[in-house]
Every structure is written in C-alpha cells, then in structure tokens.
Amino acid sequence: MPALLHRFDNLEQRGDISQVETGFAPFTGNLATDEGLISLVELSLFTDRRAPPGVDLPGGPLDLRGWWGDQFWGESFDLPQYQIGSLIWTLDRSKNRAETLALLRDYAVDAVKWMVDILMIDRAVAISERVDNDTAAFQLQLFRPNDPNALWSPRWRKTISGI
C-alpha cells in the first residue's frame, strides 16, 4: 500500500517527500475529511513534546524541545498532560529493534491521549513495523464514541537511525 514518506536532514536543513510501499492495510477510514481530525492527529504526533527527565535525548541533555505555546500553562508547564506533541522525536538515532517499535507505539498513543480525555475518541491503538535498518512505520487506529468502526490514520514512517 503506498504511503507518503517525509525525510528531513537536520544538517543540511532540507527535506523531501516521496511515495513508498508499506505492508499496512489500505486506508479505510475517513480521517481526511472527518471534522479536521487528521490535522489534530498530525499536530499531536509531529510537534515535539518537551522531554521529561530520564529520557535519552538524541541532541544531548539540554535538547528538551517542546512547543513554545506550552509555556502559557504557567506552573503546569512541566505536567505532561498539558503538553502538546509527542516524544517520537526522542527515537532519533535509536536502534531499530522491538523495544524501539514498542516505544513508537506508546508515544503515538500518548500523543492523542488528550482526545480521549476530552471524549473526542474512546481510544487509540497504534501498530508499528520495522521497514529496514533505519526506518520504522506506524499507523494509528482511532475509535469514536458509540461507533464500533475504527478510523485509520495514514501510514507514517520514522527514520530512527540518523547516524
């Protein structure tokens, strides 16, 4: 099944988008037009959440990142439930093994947990797979309240072995 792959080179500050094949099931939901849900999912997944203490950071211990708007939560700034984004970025330069794929799934589901908290969705389930030595792919399955049919997100790929 074709998917769009986005790669960004931090050193050269340039990116590229290409179409690639994945082993995932075809897109069966309607996230692309479902009340902007796809935009909310993408912002939740691909905005860098501030790293909590104890997370191994690819850019060194001072590279905590985080969305600038989180500072307006005041004293709650360091509370994860009030932060936008995901920790997927922390997987850069990780080894592509089962533990990394499990973290990728956990980080993807955690990124959209706020949607569960406000009852936009009942739950989210993530699947991930190893594509090659440097790339993992993942997809989210979202369940709406009172609707047994899952909404499937597009398939995303993550380059995890940057060096």
C-alpha atoms as a PDB file:
ATOM      1  CA  MET A   1       0.000   0.000   0.000  1.00  0.00           C
ATOM      2  CA  PRO A   2       1.556   3.360  -0.941  1.00  0.00           C
ATOM      3  CA  ALA A   3       2.271   5.989   1.696  1.00  0.00           C
ATOM      4  CA  LEU A   4       3.992   9.351   1.755  1.00  0.00           C
ATOM      5  CA  LEU A   5       7.450   9.383   3.326  1.00  0.00           C
ATOM      6  CA  HIS A   6       8.887  12.614   4.695  1.00  0.00           C
ATOM      7  CA  ARG A   7      12.602  12.745   5.390  1.00  0.00           C
ATOM      8  CA  PHE A   8      14.367  15.784   6.808  1.00  0.00           C
ATOM      9  CA  ASP A   9      18.118  16.250   7.044  1.00  0.00           C
ATOM     10  CA  ASN A  10      18.899  18.449  10.066  1.00  0.00           C
ATOM     11  CA  LEU A  11      22.467  19.116   8.971  1.00  0.00           C
ATOM     12  CA  GLU A  12      21.517  20.314   5.500  1.00  0.00           C
ATOM     13  CA  GLN A  13      18.195  21.817   6.661  1.00  0.00           C
ATOM     14  CA  ARG A  14      16.271  20.308   3.754  1.00  0.00           C
ATOM     15  CA  GLY A  15      13.590  17.724   3.402  1.00  0.00           C
ATOM     16  CA  ASP A  16      11.964  15.623   0.736  1.00  0.00           C
ATOM     17  CA  ILE A  17       8.675  13.783   0.313  1.00  0.00           C
ATOM     18  CA  SER A  18       8.424  10.572  -1.682  1.00  0.00           C
ATOM     19  CA  GLN A  19       5.900   7.788  -2.195  1.00  0.00           C
ATOM     20  CA  VAL A  20       6.838   4.381  -0.788  1.00  0.00           C
ATOM     21  CA  GLU A  21       5.185   0.996  -0.294  1.00  0.00           C
ATOM     22  CA  THR A  22       4.172  -0.299   3.147  1.00  0.00           C
ATOM     23  CA  GLY A  23       2.784  -3.566   4.427  1.00  0.00           C
ATOM     24  CA  PHE A  24      -0.144  -1.869   6.167  1.00  0.00           C
ATOM     25  CA  ALA A  25      -3.783  -2.357   5.271  1.00  0.00           C
ATOM     26  CA  PRO A  26      -5.311   0.228   2.922  1.00  0.00           C
ATOM     27  CA  PHE A  27      -6.767   3.441   4.311  1.00  0.00           C
ATOM     28  CA  THR A  28     -10.329   2.515   5.291  1.00  0.00           C
ATOM     29  CA  GLY A  29     -11.470   5.409   7.458  1.00  0.00           C
ATOM     30  CA  ASN A  30     -12.424   8.951   6.706  1.00  0.00           C
ATOM     31  CA  LEU A  31      -9.910  10.860   8.778  1.00  0.00           C
ATOM     32  CA  ALA A  32      -9.006  13.088   5.840  1.00  0.00           C
ATOM     33  CA  THR A  33     -12.408  14.794   5.956  1.00  0.00           C
ATOM     34  CA  ASP A  34     -13.655  13.941   9.447  1.00  0.00           C
ATOM     35  CA  GLU A  35     -14.043  17.354  11.105  1.00  0.00           C
ATOM     36  CA  GLY A  36     -10.328  18.139  10.880  1.00  0.00           C
ATOM     37  CA  LEU A  37      -9.366  15.099  12.919  1.00  0.00           C
ATOM     38  CA  ILE A  38      -6.396  14.302  10.683  1.00  0.00           C
ATOM     39  CA  SER A  39      -4.939  17.765  11.335  1.00  0.00           C
ATOM     40  CA  LEU A  40      -5.311  17.283  15.086  1.00  0.00           C
ATOM     41  CA  VAL A  41      -3.655  13.869  14.876  1.00  0.00           C
ATOM     42  CA  GLU A  42      -0.752  15.193  12.797  1.00  0.00           C
ATOM     43  CA  LEU A  43      -0.162  18.149  15.124  1.00  0.00           C
ATOM     44  CA  SER A  44      -0.283  15.819  18.109  1.00  0.00           C
ATOM     45  CA  LEU A  45       2.179  13.358  16.581  1.00  0.00           C
ATOM     46  CA  PHE A  46       4.662  15.646  14.875  1.00  0.00           C
ATOM     47  CA  THR A  47       5.011  18.549  17.290  1.00  0.00           C
ATOM     48  CA  ASP A  48       7.937  17.848  19.592  1.00  0.00           C
ATOM     49  CA  ARG A  49       6.741  17.463  23.178  1.00  0.00           C
ATOM     50  CA  ARG A  50       9.065  18.657  25.921  1.00  0.00           C
ATOM     51  CA  ALA A  51      11.148  15.711  27.091  1.00  0.00           C
ATOM     52  CA  PRO A  52      10.598  14.602  30.689  1.00  0.00           C
ATOM     53  CA  PRO A  53      13.522  13.806  32.985  1.00  0.00           C
ATOM     54  CA  GLY A  54      15.189  10.462  32.346  1.00  0.00           C
ATOM     55  CA  VAL A  55      14.577  10.257  28.586  1.00  0.00           C
ATOM     56  CA  ASP A  56      17.687   9.632  26.476  1.00  0.00           C
ATOM     57  CA  LEU A  57      17.858  12.664  24.170  1.00  0.00           C
ATOM     58  CA  PRO A  58      19.396  12.397  20.690  1.00  0.00           C
ATOM     59  CA  GLY A  59      20.641  16.014  20.785  1.00  0.00           C
ATOM     60  CA  GLY A  60      22.154  15.857  24.258  1.00  0.00           C
ATOM     61  CA  PRO A  61      20.826  16.534  27.762  1.00  0.00           C
ATOM     62  CA  LEU A  62      19.925  20.187  27.090  1.00  0.00           C
ATOM     63  CA  ASP A  63      17.826  19.475  23.975  1.00  0.00           C
ATOM     64  CA  LEU A  64      14.462  19.205  25.755  1.00  0.00           C
ATOM     65  CA  ARG A  65      12.473  20.801  22.902  1.00  0.00           C
ATOM     66  CA  GLY A  66       8.771  21.351  23.459  1.00  0.00           C
ATOM     67  CA  TRP A  67       6.135  23.552  21.882  1.00  0.00           C
ATOM     68  CA  TRP A  68       6.578  27.232  22.754  1.00  0.00           C
ATOM     69  CA  GLY A  69       2.845  27.601  23.497  1.00  0.00           C
ATOM     70  CA  ASP A  70       3.113  25.185  26.416  1.00  0.00           C
ATOM     71  CA  GLN A  71       4.726  27.972  28.472  1.00  0.00           C
ATOM     72  CA  PHE A  72       1.336  29.650  28.787  1.00  0.00           C
ATOM     73  CA  TRP A  73       0.122  26.876  31.083  1.00  0.00           C
ATOM     74  CA  GLY A  74       2.119  28.675  33.783  1.00  0.00           C
ATOM     75  CA  GLU A  75       3.073  26.462  36.685  1.00  0.00           C
ATOM     76  CA  SER A  76       1.637  23.447  34.818  1.00  0.00           C
ATOM     77  CA  PHE A  77       4.276  23.731  32.076  1.00  0.00           C
ATOM     78  CA  ASP A  78       6.116  20.589  33.115  1.00  0.00           C
ATOM     79  CA  LEU A  79       2.984  18.482  33.564  1.00  0.00           C
ATOM     80  CA  PRO A  80       2.830  16.053  30.607  1.00  0.00           C
ATOM     81  CA  GLN A  81      -0.977  16.043  30.410  1.00  0.00           C
ATOM     82  CA  TYR A  82      -0.875  19.738  29.441  1.00  0.00           C
ATOM     83  CA  GLN A  83       1.818  19.464  26.788  1.00  0.00           C
ATOM     84  CA  ILE A  84       1.242  19.404  23.040  1.00  0.00           C
ATOM     85  CA  GLY A  85       3.003  16.893  20.816  1.00  0.00           C
ATOM     86  CA  SER A  86       4.752  13.578  21.141  1.00  0.00           C
ATOM     87  CA  LEU A  87       8.071  12.116  22.183  1.00  0.00           C
ATOM     88  CA  ILE A  88       8.561  10.385  18.828  1.00  0.00           C
ATOM     89  CA  TRP A  89      11.442  12.765  18.127  1.00  0.00           C
ATOM     90  CA  THR A  90      13.402  11.195  21.001  1.00  0.00           C
ATOM     91  CA  LEU A  91      13.694   7.985  18.969  1.00  0.00           C
ATOM     92  CA  ASP A  92      16.106   9.632  16.504  1.00  0.00           C
ATOM     93  CA  ARG A  93      19.342   7.635  16.409  1.00  0.00           C
ATOM     94  CA  SER A  94      17.771   4.705  18.263  1.00  0.00           C
ATOM     95  CA  LYS A  95      18.447   1.148  17.203  1.00  0.00           C
ATOM     96  CA  ASN A  96      15.572  -0.264  15.157  1.00  0.00           C
ATOM     97  CA  ARG A  97      14.560  -3.170  17.388  1.00  0.00           C
ATOM     98  CA  ALA A  98      11.449  -4.419  19.208  1.00  0.00           C
ATOM     99  CA  GLU A  99      11.890  -2.065  22.181  1.00  0.00           C
ATOM    100  CA  THR A 100      12.036   0.954  19.862  1.00  0.00           C
ATOM    101  CA  LEU A 101       8.926  -0.185  17.974  1.00  0.00           C
ATOM    102  CA  ALA A 102       7.104  -0.556  21.306  1.00  0.00           C
ATOM    103  CA  LEU A 103       8.137   2.978  22.314  1.00  0.00           C
ATOM    104  CA  LEU A 104       6.978   4.275  18.929  1.00  0.00           C
ATOM    105  CA  ARG A 105       3.534   2.737  19.530  1.00  0.00           C
ATOM    106  CA  ASP A 106       3.389   4.069  23.099  1.00  0.00           C
ATOM    107  CA  TYR A 107       4.444   7.584  22.068  1.00  0.00           C
ATOM    108  CA  ALA A 108       1.901   7.670  19.231  1.00  0.00           C
ATOM    109  CA  VAL A 109      -0.977   6.632  21.501  1.00  0.00           C
ATOM    110  CA  ASP A 110       0.183   9.007  24.248  1.00  0.00           C
ATOM    111  CA  ALA A 111       0.240  11.916  21.766  1.00  0.00           C
ATOM    112  CA  VAL A 112      -3.502  11.598  21.130  1.00  0.00           C
ATOM    113  CA  LYS A 113      -4.450  10.781  24.740  1.00  0.00           C
ATOM    114  CA  TRP A 114      -5.843  14.287  25.124  1.00  0.00           C
ATOM    115  CA  MET A 115      -8.509  13.352  22.549  1.00  0.00           C
ATOM    116  CA  VAL A 116      -9.591  10.527  24.841  1.00  0.00           C
ATOM    117  CA  ASP A 117      -9.571  12.879  27.845  1.00  0.00           C
ATOM    118  CA  ILE A 118     -11.989  15.290  26.154  1.00  0.00           C
ATOM    119  CA  LEU A 119     -14.118  12.398  24.787  1.00  0.00           C
ATOM    120  CA  MET A 120     -13.368  13.104  21.125  1.00  0.00           C
ATOM    121  CA  ILE A 121     -12.330   9.457  20.764  1.00  0.00           C
ATOM    122  CA  ASP A 122     -12.816   6.434  23.013  1.00  0.00           C
ATOM    123  CA  ARG A 123      -9.343   5.024  22.491  1.00  0.00           C
ATOM    124  CA  ALA A 124      -6.400   4.823  20.145  1.00  0.00           C
ATOM    125  CA  VAL A 125      -4.369   1.790  19.133  1.00  0.00           C
ATOM    126  CA  ALA A 126      -1.042   2.008  17.315  1.00  0.00           C
ATOM    127  CA  ILE A 127       0.724  -0.569  15.192  1.00  0.00           C
ATOM    128  CA  SER A 128       4.338  -0.357  14.111  1.00  0.00           C
ATOM    129  CA  GLU A 129       6.716  -2.308  11.947  1.00  0.00           C
ATOM    130  CA  ARG A 130      10.351  -2.333  11.022  1.00  0.00           C
ATOM    131  CA  VAL A 131      10.733  -1.253   7.398  1.00  0.00           C
ATOM    132  CA  ASP A 132      14.525  -1.504   7.150  1.00  0.00           C
ATOM    133  CA  ASN A 133      17.568  -0.897   9.366  1.00  0.00           C
ATOM    134  CA  ASP A 134      16.933   2.857   9.533  1.00  0.00           C
ATOM    135  CA  THR A 135      13.159   3.150   9.268  1.00  0.00           C
ATOM    136  CA  ALA A 136      10.090   2.183  11.258  1.00  0.00           C
ATOM    137  CA  ALA A 137       6.494   2.757  10.156  1.00  0.00           C
ATOM    138  CA  PHE A 138       3.433   3.252  12.307  1.00  0.00           C
ATOM    139  CA  GLN A 139      -0.280   3.758  11.968  1.00  0.00           C
ATOM    140  CA  LEU A 140      -3.000   4.768  14.421  1.00  0.00           C
ATOM    141  CA  GLN A 141      -6.439   3.256  14.743  1.00  0.00           C
ATOM    142  CA  LEU A 142      -8.906   5.624  16.434  1.00  0.00           C
ATOM    143  CA  PHE A 143     -12.273   4.644  17.876  1.00  0.00           C
ATOM    144  CA  ARG A 144     -15.057   7.245  18.161  1.00  0.00           C
ATOM    145  CA  PRO A 145     -17.630   7.136  20.973  1.00  0.00           C
ATOM    146  CA  ASN A 146     -20.582   4.850  20.164  1.00  0.00           C
ATOM    147  CA  ASP A 147     -19.017   3.757  16.873  1.00  0.00           C
ATOM    148  CA  PRO A 148     -17.513   0.253  16.619  1.00  0.00           C
ATOM    149  CA  ASN A 149     -15.778   1.078  13.319  1.00  0.00           C
ATOM    150  CA  ALA A 150     -12.204   2.223  13.648  1.00  0.00           C
ATOM    151  CA  LEU A 151     -10.827   5.233  11.833  1.00  0.00           C
ATOM    152  CA  TRP A 152      -7.406   4.520  10.360  1.00  0.00           C
ATOM    153  CA  SER A 153      -4.815   7.230  10.146  1.00  0.00           C
ATOM    154  CA  PRO A 154      -2.477   7.458   7.174  1.00  0.00           C
ATOM    155  CA  ARG A 155       0.702   5.402   7.474  1.00  0.00           C
ATOM    156  CA  TRP A 156       3.726   7.353   8.683  1.00  0.00           C
ATOM    157  CA  ARG A 157       7.376   6.410   8.604  1.00  0.00           C
ATOM    158  CA  LYS A 158      10.048   7.476  11.031  1.00  0.00           C
ATOM    159  CA  THR A 159      13.761   7.413  10.283  1.00  0.00           C
ATOM    160  CA  ILE A 160      15.243   6.358  13.595  1.00  0.00           C
ATOM    161  CA  SER A 161      18.905   5.594  12.870  1.00  0.00           C
ATOM    162  CA  GLY A 162      20.089   9.039  11.850  1.00  0.00           C
ATOM    163  CA  ILE A 163      23.796   8.286  12.059  1.00  0.00           C
END
